[in-house]
Amino acid sequence: MSATPDEFPRHPNAVVDRGAFYIGWQPRMPAALARVIRPLVITLVVLLVGLSAGVASTLRSGPPGVFEFGVVRDLDGVFYATPLPTLRLRDPVGGGAVSYYVVGAGKRGIPDELRALAGQRVRFRGTLIHQGGATMVELTEPASLTPSGPPPPGLERPAPQTVGERELVGELVDTKCFFGVMRPGLGKVHRGCAIRCLSGGVPPGLLLRHRSVDGERELGTVVMLVGEDGAPLELDPRWAALTIRARGTLESHGGIPVLRTRALELEPSS
């Protein structure tokens, strides 16, 4: 006489068939499980969408900037190393002369080869970054850097205008990302990137927040930070995205604010 399955002892880990067992590769889920799982999945999706929207609404992207990624231009002008690395060149649009801040490729400031050419006419290939009235150029192809003779007339830098002694409070940013390379290029979400950029020699800036005249919009102005003597400012890159207080002499360089920084400290609230 043959034994039936019910006569064998049941293993303690055996699954009892109640008509609701489901394996992921099966084409259909049992109706009993589907009635439970479907509303849970819908609820989780709604919660995730709402959470994502809430987080996104709290992020500050900053003023719109433009990074001409993939567009490499031939640039020819006079390079000045202090107080900020600057290329003075003919205005390609309106005539006269314009000034572009200069940074290296990636998360780096200018290379030593360019710094050694201060006061000389140079040529190189780079990519523009611009926001508002400020323009920066990335030395995208370092191998293209070549000296090209003495400075031609008409490319002298205008003398800076001294505004006076100031004490300013704002967010420490790396200006390359803030001007348009990253979005957002400020705030805690961008802090890791900003720390590496500042460590690599990208010029630091102080983001001052203020309201528009009608009070309806939050605006931001970046003050470029340099040392009191015009040399690159020494600071702790880990202060990126935190609130700092800077004291020094404020100057206007062609309409761009520059602070010759005498003292820098981290605000307690940070």
C-alpha atoms as a PDB file:
ATOM      1  CA  MET A   1       0.000   0.000   0.000  1.00  0.00           C
ATOM      2  CA  SER A   2       1.530   3.353  -1.060  1.00  0.00           C
ATOM      3  CA  ALA A   3       1.760   6.267   1.350  1.00  0.00           C
ATOM      4  CA  THR A   4       0.044   9.595   0.726  1.00  0.00           C
ATOM      5  CA  PRO A   5       1.804  12.976   1.219  1.00  0.00           C
ATOM      6  CA  ASP A   6      -0.272  13.700   4.322  1.00  0.00           C
ATOM      7  CA  GLU A   7       1.230  10.662   6.052  1.00  0.00           C
ATOM      8  CA  PHE A   8       4.795  12.091   5.958  1.00  0.00           C
ATOM      9  CA  PRO A   9       5.864  14.259   8.922  1.00  0.00           C
ATOM     10  CA  ARG A  10       5.846  17.980   8.031  1.00  0.00           C
ATOM     11  CA  HIS A  11       9.181  19.798   8.160  1.00  0.00           C
ATOM     12  CA  PRO A  12       9.081  22.671  10.698  1.00  0.00           C
ATOM     13  CA  ASN A  13      10.051  25.180   7.969  1.00  0.00           C
ATOM     14  CA  ALA A  14       7.556  23.933   5.450  1.00  0.00           C
ATOM     15  CA  VAL A  15       5.315  26.531   3.761  1.00  0.00           C
ATOM     16  CA  VAL A  16       1.632  25.995   4.201  1.00  0.00           C
ATOM     17  CA  ASP A  17      -0.239  26.515   0.921  1.00  0.00           C
ATOM     18  CA  ARG A  18      -3.003  29.002   1.622  1.00  0.00           C
ATOM     19  CA  GLY A  19      -3.320  30.125  -1.997  1.00  0.00           C
ATOM     20  CA  ALA A  20      -1.339  33.342  -1.447  1.00  0.00           C
ATOM     21  CA  PHE A  21       2.286  32.278  -1.941  1.00  0.00           C
ATOM     22  CA  TYR A  22       4.104  34.329  -4.610  1.00  0.00           C
ATOM     23  CA  ILE A  23       7.527  34.048  -6.258  1.00  0.00           C
ATOM     24  CA  GLY A  24       8.803  37.172  -8.019  1.00  0.00           C
ATOM     25  CA  TRP A  25       9.314  35.587 -11.411  1.00  0.00           C
ATOM     26  CA  GLN A  26       5.728  34.378 -11.627  1.00  0.00           C
ATOM     27  CA  PRO A  27       3.583  36.375 -14.105  1.00  0.00           C
ATOM     28  CA  ARG A  28       0.766  37.175 -11.677  1.00  0.00           C
ATOM     29  CA  MET A  29       0.525  37.778  -7.970  1.00  0.00           C
ATOM     30  CA  PRO A  30      -2.220  35.941  -6.058  1.00  0.00           C
ATOM     31  CA  ALA A  31      -5.286  38.155  -5.630  1.00  0.00           C
ATOM     32  CA  ALA A  32      -5.111  38.049  -1.832  1.00  0.00           C
ATOM     33  CA  LEU A  33      -1.555  39.394  -1.806  1.00  0.00           C
ATOM     34  CA  ALA A  34      -2.274  41.932  -4.552  1.00  0.00           C
ATOM     35  CA  ARG A  35      -5.078  43.475  -2.488  1.00  0.00           C
ATOM     36  CA  VAL A  36      -2.579  44.131   0.319  1.00  0.00           C
ATOM     37  CA  ILE A  37       0.519  45.085  -1.694  1.00  0.00           C
ATOM     38  CA  ARG A  38      -1.073  47.423  -4.257  1.00  0.00           C
ATOM     39  CA  PRO A  39      -2.232  50.164  -1.814  1.00  0.00           C
ATOM     40  CA  LEU A  40       1.085  49.950   0.053  1.00  0.00           C
ATOM     41  CA  VAL A  41       3.058  50.535  -3.147  1.00  0.00           C
ATOM     42  CA  ILE A  42       0.821  53.444  -4.185  1.00  0.00           C
ATOM     43  CA  THR A  43       1.177  55.025  -0.733  1.00  0.00           C
ATOM     44  CA  LEU A  44       4.978  54.692  -0.808  1.00  0.00           C
ATOM     45  CA  VAL A  45       5.191  56.238  -4.289  1.00  0.00           C
ATOM     46  CA  VAL A  46       3.064  59.219  -3.227  1.00  0.00           C
ATOM     47  CA  LEU A  47       5.179  59.709  -0.091  1.00  0.00           C
ATOM     48  CA  LEU A  48       8.443  59.556  -2.047  1.00  0.00           C
ATOM     49  CA  VAL A  49       7.210  62.055  -4.636  1.00  0.00           C
ATOM     50  CA  GLY A  50       6.059  64.423  -1.911  1.00  0.00           C
ATOM     51  CA  LEU A  51       9.321  64.073   0.009  1.00  0.00           C
ATOM     52  CA  SER A  52      11.390  64.703  -3.130  1.00  0.00           C
ATOM     53  CA  ALA A  53       9.361  67.807  -3.969  1.00  0.00           C
ATOM     54  CA  GLY A  54       9.728  69.076  -0.413  1.00  0.00           C
ATOM     55  CA  VAL A  55      13.500  68.637  -0.394  1.00  0.00           C
ATOM     56  CA  ALA A  56      13.834  70.230  -3.841  1.00  0.00           C
ATOM     57  CA  SER A  57      11.834  73.259  -2.749  1.00  0.00           C
ATOM     58  CA  THR A  58      14.286  73.932   0.091  1.00  0.00           C
ATOM     59  CA  LEU A  59      17.373  73.880  -2.133  1.00  0.00           C
ATOM     60  CA  ARG A  60      18.797  77.211  -3.261  1.00  0.00           C
ATOM     61  CA  SER A  61      20.143  76.994  -6.769  1.00  0.00           C
ATOM     62  CA  GLY A  62      21.496  80.531  -6.756  1.00  0.00           C
ATOM     63  CA  PRO A  63      21.390  83.031  -9.602  1.00  0.00           C
ATOM     64  CA  PRO A  64      21.494  81.492 -13.088  1.00  0.00           C
ATOM     65  CA  GLY A  65      24.974  81.104 -14.531  1.00  0.00           C
ATOM     66  CA  VAL A  66      26.270  79.671 -17.793  1.00  0.00           C
ATOM     67  CA  PHE A  67      29.111  77.207 -18.319  1.00  0.00           C
ATOM     68  CA  GLU A  68      29.867  76.826 -22.021  1.00  0.00           C
ATOM     69  CA  PHE A  69      30.680  73.146 -21.613  1.00  0.00           C
ATOM     70  CA  GLY A  70      32.250  71.700 -24.757  1.00  0.00           C
ATOM     71  CA  VAL A  71      32.814  75.127 -26.349  1.00  0.00           C
ATOM     72  CA  VAL A  72      36.552  75.835 -26.353  1.00  0.00           C
ATOM     73  CA  ARG A  73      37.646  79.307 -27.477  1.00  0.00           C
ATOM     74  CA  ASP A  74      40.982  80.795 -28.526  1.00  0.00           C
ATOM     75  CA  LEU A  75      41.820  83.600 -26.094  1.00  0.00           C
ATOM     76  CA  ASP A  76      44.516  86.255 -26.418  1.00  0.00           C
ATOM     77  CA  GLY A  77      45.205  88.905 -23.803  1.00  0.00           C
ATOM     78  CA  VAL A  78      47.389  90.187 -20.989  1.00  0.00           C
ATOM     79  CA  PHE A  79      47.519  88.046 -17.857  1.00  0.00           C
ATOM     80  CA  TYR A  80      47.581  89.573 -14.366  1.00  0.00           C
ATOM     81  CA  ALA A  81      48.167  87.307 -11.360  1.00  0.00           C
ATOM     82  CA  THR A  82      47.054  89.577  -8.503  1.00  0.00           C
ATOM     83  CA  PRO A  83      44.869  90.391  -6.714  1.00  0.00           C
ATOM     84  CA  LEU A  84      42.929  87.802  -8.743  1.00  0.00           C
ATOM     85  CA  PRO A  85      44.126  85.810 -11.771  1.00  0.00           C
ATOM     86  CA  THR A  86      42.723  87.883 -14.645  1.00  0.00           C
ATOM     87  CA  LEU A  87      42.977  87.946 -18.425  1.00  0.00           C
ATOM     88  CA  ARG A  88      42.569  91.414 -19.928  1.00  0.00           C
ATOM     89  CA  LEU A  89      41.535  91.157 -23.588  1.00  0.00           C
ATOM     90  CA  ARG A  90      39.717  92.917 -26.400  1.00  0.00           C
ATOM     91  CA  ASP A  91      35.960  92.846 -25.985  1.00  0.00           C
ATOM     92  CA  PRO A  92      34.745  90.461 -28.712  1.00  0.00           C
ATOM     93  CA  VAL A  93      31.354  92.193 -28.803  1.00  0.00           C
ATOM     94  CA  GLY A  94      31.487  95.889 -28.035  1.00  0.00           C
ATOM     95  CA  GLY A  95      35.104  96.877 -28.571  1.00  0.00           C
ATOM     96  CA  GLY A  96      37.306  98.246 -25.818  1.00  0.00           C
ATOM     97  CA  ALA A  97      38.670  95.806 -23.250  1.00  0.00           C
ATOM     98  CA  VAL A  98      37.183  93.349 -20.748  1.00  0.00           C
ATOM     99  CA  SER A  99      38.553  91.305 -17.863  1.00  0.00           C
ATOM    100  CA  TYR A 100      37.995  87.573 -17.353  1.00  0.00           C
ATOM    101  CA  TYR A 101      38.925  85.788 -14.149  1.00  0.00           C
ATOM    102  CA  VAL A 102      41.026  82.687 -14.840  1.00  0.00           C
ATOM    103  CA  VAL A 103      40.893  79.225 -13.237  1.00  0.00           C
ATOM    104  CA  GLY A 104      42.427  75.892 -14.117  1.00  0.00           C
ATOM    105  CA  ALA A 105      40.672  72.823 -15.444  1.00  0.00           C
ATOM    106  CA  GLY A 106      38.738  70.659 -13.014  1.00  0.00           C
ATOM    107  CA  LYS A 107      38.830  71.658  -9.354  1.00  0.00           C
ATOM    108  CA  ARG A 108      42.022  73.680  -9.563  1.00  0.00           C
ATOM    109  CA  GLY A 109      43.221  77.242  -9.686  1.00  0.00           C
ATOM    110  CA  ILE A 110      45.654  78.477 -12.313  1.00  0.00           C
ATOM    111  CA  PRO A 111      48.761  76.390 -13.052  1.00  0.00           C
ATOM    112  CA  ASP A 112      52.220  77.648 -12.091  1.00  0.00           C
ATOM    113  CA  GLU A 113      53.126  77.968 -15.780  1.00  0.00           C
ATOM    114  CA  LEU A 114      50.487  80.671 -16.206  1.00  0.00           C
ATOM    115  CA  ARG A 115      51.307  82.428 -12.940  1.00  0.00           C
ATOM    116  CA  ALA A 116      54.905  82.788 -14.121  1.00  0.00           C
ATOM    117  CA  LEU A 117      53.679  84.800 -17.130  1.00  0.00           C
ATOM    118  CA  ALA A 118      52.137  87.609 -15.051  1.00  0.00           C
ATOM    119  CA  GLY A 119      52.213  90.924 -16.901  1.00  0.00           C
ATOM    120  CA  GLN A 120      52.754  89.289 -20.284  1.00  0.00           C
ATOM    121  CA  ARG A 121      50.586  88.725 -23.302  1.00  0.00           C
ATOM    122  CA  VAL A 122      49.453  85.095 -23.494  1.00  0.00           C
ATOM    123  CA  ARG A 123      47.358  82.827 -25.679  1.00  0.00           C
ATOM    124  CA  PHE A 124      45.463  79.728 -24.631  1.00  0.00           C
ATOM    125  CA  ARG A 125      42.289  77.762 -25.278  1.00  0.00           C
ATOM    126  CA  GLY A 126      39.575  77.923 -22.658  1.00  0.00           C
ATOM    127  CA  THR A 127      35.902  77.669 -21.791  1.00  0.00           C
ATOM    128  CA  LEU A 128      33.811  80.599 -20.559  1.00  0.00           C
ATOM    129  CA  ILE A 129      31.784  80.689 -17.351  1.00  0.00           C
ATOM    130  CA  HIS A 130      29.628  83.751 -16.809  1.00  0.00           C
ATOM    131  CA  GLN A 131      26.976  85.074 -14.487  1.00  0.00           C
ATOM    132  CA  GLY A 132      25.622  88.590 -14.425  1.00  0.00           C
ATOM    133  CA  GLY A 133      28.476  91.019 -14.952  1.00  0.00           C
ATOM    134  CA  ALA A 134      31.251  88.561 -14.066  1.00  0.00           C
ATOM    135  CA  THR A 135      33.024  86.298 -16.554  1.00  0.00           C
ATOM    136  CA  MET A 136      35.505  83.552 -15.764  1.00  0.00           C
ATOM    137  CA  VAL A 137      37.512  81.420 -18.166  1.00  0.00           C
ATOM    138  CA  GLU A 138      38.710  77.885 -17.519  1.00  0.00           C
ATOM    139  CA  LEU A 139      42.113  77.082 -18.978  1.00  0.00           C
ATOM    140  CA  THR A 140      40.697  73.934 -20.549  1.00  0.00           C
ATOM    141  CA  GLU A 141      43.786  72.988 -22.567  1.00  0.00           C
ATOM    142  CA  PRO A 142      46.937  73.760 -20.515  1.00  0.00           C
ATOM    143  CA  ALA A 143      49.170  72.600 -23.375  1.00  0.00           C
ATOM    144  CA  SER A 144      47.831  75.481 -25.493  1.00  0.00           C
ATOM    145  CA  LEU A 145      49.307  78.123 -23.153  1.00  0.00           C
ATOM    146  CA  THR A 146      51.950  80.186 -24.950  1.00  0.00           C
ATOM    147  CA  PRO A 147      53.490  83.613 -24.259  1.00  0.00           C
ATOM    148  CA  SER A 148      53.001  85.972 -27.179  1.00  0.00           C
ATOM    149  CA  GLY A 149      55.102  89.038 -26.556  1.00  0.00           C
ATOM    150  CA  PRO A 150      54.862  92.281 -24.596  1.00  0.00           C
ATOM    151  CA  PRO A 151      51.474  93.716 -23.584  1.00  0.00           C
ATOM    152  CA  PRO A 152      49.861  95.733 -26.391  1.00  0.00           C
ATOM    153  CA  PRO A 153      48.507  99.213 -25.623  1.00  0.00           C
ATOM    154  CA  GLY A 154      44.912  99.445 -24.499  1.00  0.00           C
ATOM    155  CA  LEU A 155      44.897  96.325 -22.316  1.00  0.00           C
ATOM    156  CA  GLU A 156      46.030  97.940 -19.090  1.00  0.00           C
ATOM    157  CA  ARG A 157      43.841  97.198 -16.099  1.00  0.00           C
ATOM    158  CA  PRO A 158      41.758 100.100 -14.810  1.00  0.00           C
ATOM    159  CA  ALA A 159      42.719 101.216 -11.328  1.00  0.00           C
ATOM    160  CA  PRO A 160      40.455  99.765  -8.612  1.00  0.00           C
ATOM    161  CA  GLN A 161      38.152 102.088  -6.720  1.00  0.00           C
ATOM    162  CA  THR A 162      38.372 101.903  -2.947  1.00  0.00           C
ATOM    163  CA  VAL A 163      34.962 101.703  -1.278  1.00  0.00           C
ATOM    164  CA  GLY A 164      36.209 101.599   2.311  1.00  0.00           C
ATOM    165  CA  GLU A 165      36.524  99.378   5.364  1.00  0.00           C
ATOM    166  CA  ARG A 166      33.767  96.794   5.614  1.00  0.00           C
ATOM    167  CA  GLU A 167      32.648  93.891   7.786  1.00  0.00           C
ATOM    168  CA  LEU A 168      30.632  91.404   5.734  1.00  0.00           C
ATOM    169  CA  VAL A 169      28.755  88.241   6.682  1.00  0.00           C
ATOM    170  CA  GLY A 170      27.811  85.597   4.135  1.00  0.00           C
ATOM    171  CA  GLU A 171      28.296  82.088   2.792  1.00  0.00           C
ATOM    172  CA  LEU A 172      31.734  80.966   1.659  1.00  0.00           C
ATOM    173  CA  VAL A 173      31.532  79.687  -1.938  1.00  0.00           C
ATOM    174  CA  ASP A 174      33.961  78.563  -4.604  1.00  0.00           C
ATOM    175  CA  THR A 175      33.438  81.034  -7.414  1.00  0.00           C
ATOM    176  CA  LYS A 176      33.998  78.623 -10.296  1.00  0.00           C
ATOM    177  CA  CYS A 177      31.017  76.455  -9.417  1.00  0.00           C
ATOM    178  CA  PHE A 178      28.914  79.380  -8.230  1.00  0.00           C
ATOM    179  CA  PHE A 179      29.332  81.306 -11.482  1.00  0.00           C
ATOM    180  CA  GLY A 180      27.796  78.450 -13.441  1.00  0.00           C
ATOM    181  CA  VAL A 181      29.778  75.209 -13.544  1.00  0.00           C
ATOM    182  CA  MET A 182      27.504  73.469 -11.018  1.00  0.00           C
ATOM    183  CA  ARG A 183      23.808  73.770 -10.235  1.00  0.00           C
ATOM    184  CA  PRO A 184      23.411  74.315  -7.395  1.00  0.00           C
ATOM    185  CA  GLY A 185      26.833  75.823  -6.824  1.00  0.00           C
ATOM    186  CA  LEU A 186      26.202  76.754  -3.212  1.00  0.00           C
ATOM    187  CA  GLY A 187      24.733  75.444   0.020  1.00  0.00           C
ATOM    188  CA  LYS A 188      25.264  72.275   2.038  1.00  0.00           C
ATOM    189  CA  VAL A 189      24.357  70.021  -0.893  1.00  0.00           C
ATOM    190  CA  HIS A 190      27.366  71.400  -2.805  1.00  0.00           C
ATOM    191  CA  ARG A 191      29.735  71.607   0.176  1.00  0.00           C
ATOM    192  CA  GLY A 192      31.882  68.568  -0.650  1.00  0.00           C
ATOM    193  CA  CYS A 193      32.582  69.867  -4.149  1.00  0.00           C
ATOM    194  CA  ALA A 194      33.295  73.396  -2.876  1.00  0.00           C
ATOM    195  CA  ILE A 195      35.807  72.091  -0.322  1.00  0.00           C
ATOM    196  CA  ARG A 196      37.772  70.345  -3.058  1.00  0.00           C
ATOM    197  CA  CYS A 197      37.633  73.400  -5.352  1.00  0.00           C
ATOM    198  CA  LEU A 198      38.862  75.755  -2.628  1.00  0.00           C
ATOM    199  CA  SER A 199      41.570  73.255  -1.667  1.00  0.00           C
ATOM    200  CA  GLY A 200      42.697  73.213  -5.301  1.00  0.00           C
ATOM    201  CA  GLY A 201      43.091  76.985  -5.528  1.00  0.00           C
ATOM    202  CA  VAL A 202      39.784  78.173  -7.010  1.00  0.00           C
ATOM    203  CA  PRO A 203      39.224  81.792  -5.858  1.00  0.00           C
ATOM    204  CA  PRO A 204      36.897  82.004  -2.840  1.00  0.00           C
ATOM    205  CA  GLY A 205      33.893  84.287  -2.694  1.00  0.00           C
ATOM    206  CA  LEU A 206      31.530  85.556  -0.021  1.00  0.00           C
ATOM    207  CA  LEU A 207      27.866  85.261  -0.980  1.00  0.00           C
ATOM    208  CA  LEU A 208      25.827  88.101   0.518  1.00  0.00           C
ATOM    209  CA  ARG A 209      22.066  87.553   0.512  1.00  0.00           C
ATOM    210  CA  HIS A 210      19.613  90.416   0.301  1.00  0.00           C
ATOM    211  CA  ARG A 211      16.070  91.107  -0.824  1.00  0.00           C
ATOM    212  CA  SER A 212      15.019  92.807  -4.030  1.00  0.00           C
ATOM    213  CA  VAL A 213      13.675  96.355  -3.853  1.00  0.00           C
ATOM    214  CA  ASP A 214      10.101  95.064  -3.899  1.00  0.00           C
ATOM    215  CA  GLY A 215      10.973  92.510  -1.225  1.00  0.00           C
ATOM    216  CA  GLU A 216       9.617  89.612  -3.259  1.00  0.00           C
ATOM    217  CA  ARG A 217      12.887  87.952  -4.338  1.00  0.00           C
ATOM    218  CA  GLU A 218      16.031  86.828  -2.603  1.00  0.00           C
ATOM    219  CA  LEU A 219      19.139  88.056  -4.394  1.00  0.00           C
ATOM    220  CA  GLY A 220      22.789  87.219  -3.969  1.00  0.00           C
ATOM    221  CA  THR A 221      25.959  89.205  -4.545  1.00  0.00           C
ATOM    222  CA  VAL A 222      29.375  87.536  -4.477  1.00  0.00           C
ATOM    223  CA  VAL A 223      32.328  89.478  -3.119  1.00  0.00           C
ATOM    224  CA  MET A 224      35.648  88.061  -4.315  1.00  0.00           C
ATOM    225  CA  LEU A 225      38.019  87.384  -1.407  1.00  0.00           C
ATOM    226  CA  VAL A 226      41.773  87.985  -1.560  1.00  0.00           C
ATOM    227  CA  GLY A 227      44.486  88.474   1.030  1.00  0.00           C
ATOM    228  CA  GLU A 228      45.104  91.909   2.493  1.00  0.00           C
ATOM    229  CA  ASP A 229      48.238  92.259   0.353  1.00  0.00           C
ATOM    230  CA  GLY A 230      46.500  91.014  -2.803  1.00  0.00           C
ATOM    231  CA  ALA A 231      47.913  87.494  -2.569  1.00  0.00           C
ATOM    232  CA  PRO A 232      45.597  84.445  -2.582  1.00  0.00           C
ATOM    233  CA  LEU A 233      43.633  84.313   0.662  1.00  0.00           C
ATOM    234  CA  GLU A 234      44.612  81.544   3.067  1.00  0.00           C
ATOM    235  CA  LEU A 235      41.542  79.964   4.641  1.00  0.00           C
ATOM    236  CA  ASP A 236      40.156  76.650   5.847  1.00  0.00           C
ATOM    237  CA  PRO A 237      38.405  75.018   2.853  1.00  0.00           C
ATOM    238  CA  ARG A 238      36.161  73.133   5.289  1.00  0.00           C
ATOM    239  CA  TRP A 239      34.358  76.428   5.917  1.00  0.00           C
ATOM    240  CA  ALA A 240      32.762  76.104   2.474  1.00  0.00           C
ATOM    241  CA  ALA A 241      28.956  76.524   2.548  1.00  0.00           C
ATOM    242  CA  LEU A 242      29.156  77.856   6.115  1.00  0.00           C
ATOM    243  CA  THR A 243      28.483  81.405   7.308  1.00  0.00           C
ATOM    244  CA  ILE A 244      31.628  83.445   7.848  1.00  0.00           C
ATOM    245  CA  ARG A 245      32.462  87.012   8.845  1.00  0.00           C
ATOM    246  CA  ALA A 246      35.088  88.863   6.800  1.00  0.00           C
ATOM    247  CA  ARG A 247      36.740  92.206   7.587  1.00  0.00           C
ATOM    248  CA  GLY A 248      38.870  94.239   5.248  1.00  0.00           C
ATOM    249  CA  THR A 249      39.036  96.904   2.560  1.00  0.00           C
ATOM    250  CA  LEU A 250      36.339  96.684  -0.096  1.00  0.00           C
ATOM    251  CA  GLU A 251      37.287  97.639  -3.642  1.00  0.00           C
ATOM    252  CA  SER A 252      35.472  97.751  -6.961  1.00  0.00           C
ATOM    253  CA  HIS A 253      37.337  96.194  -9.895  1.00  0.00           C
ATOM    254  CA  GLY A 254      35.392  97.141 -12.990  1.00  0.00           C
ATOM    255  CA  GLY A 255      32.150  96.848 -11.035  1.00  0.00           C
ATOM    256  CA  ILE A 256      33.111  93.533  -9.372  1.00  0.00           C
ATOM    257  CA  PRO A 257      33.434  93.782  -5.553  1.00  0.00           C
ATOM    258  CA  VAL A 258      36.735  92.527  -4.123  1.00  0.00           C
ATOM    259  CA  LEU A 259      37.549  92.417  -0.405  1.00  0.00           C
ATOM    260  CA  ARG A 260      41.182  92.653   0.662  1.00  0.00           C
ATOM    261  CA  THR A 261      40.589  90.480   3.684  1.00  0.00           C
ATOM    262  CA  ARG A 262      42.247  91.335   6.973  1.00  0.00           C
ATOM    263  CA  ALA A 263      40.360  88.890   9.214  1.00  0.00           C
ATOM    264  CA  LEU A 264      38.130  85.898   8.633  1.00  0.00           C
ATOM    265  CA  GLU A 265      36.157  83.958  11.228  1.00  0.00           C
ATOM    266  CA  LEU A 266      33.466  81.323  11.339  1.00  0.00           C
ATOM    267  CA  GLU A 267      30.096  82.463  12.650  1.00  0.00           C
ATOM    268  CA  PRO A 268      28.942  80.529  15.758  1.00  0.00           C
ATOM    269  CA  SER A 269      25.617  79.690  14.090  1.00  0.00           C
ATOM    270  CA  SER A 270      27.472  77.607  11.496  1.00  0.00           C
END
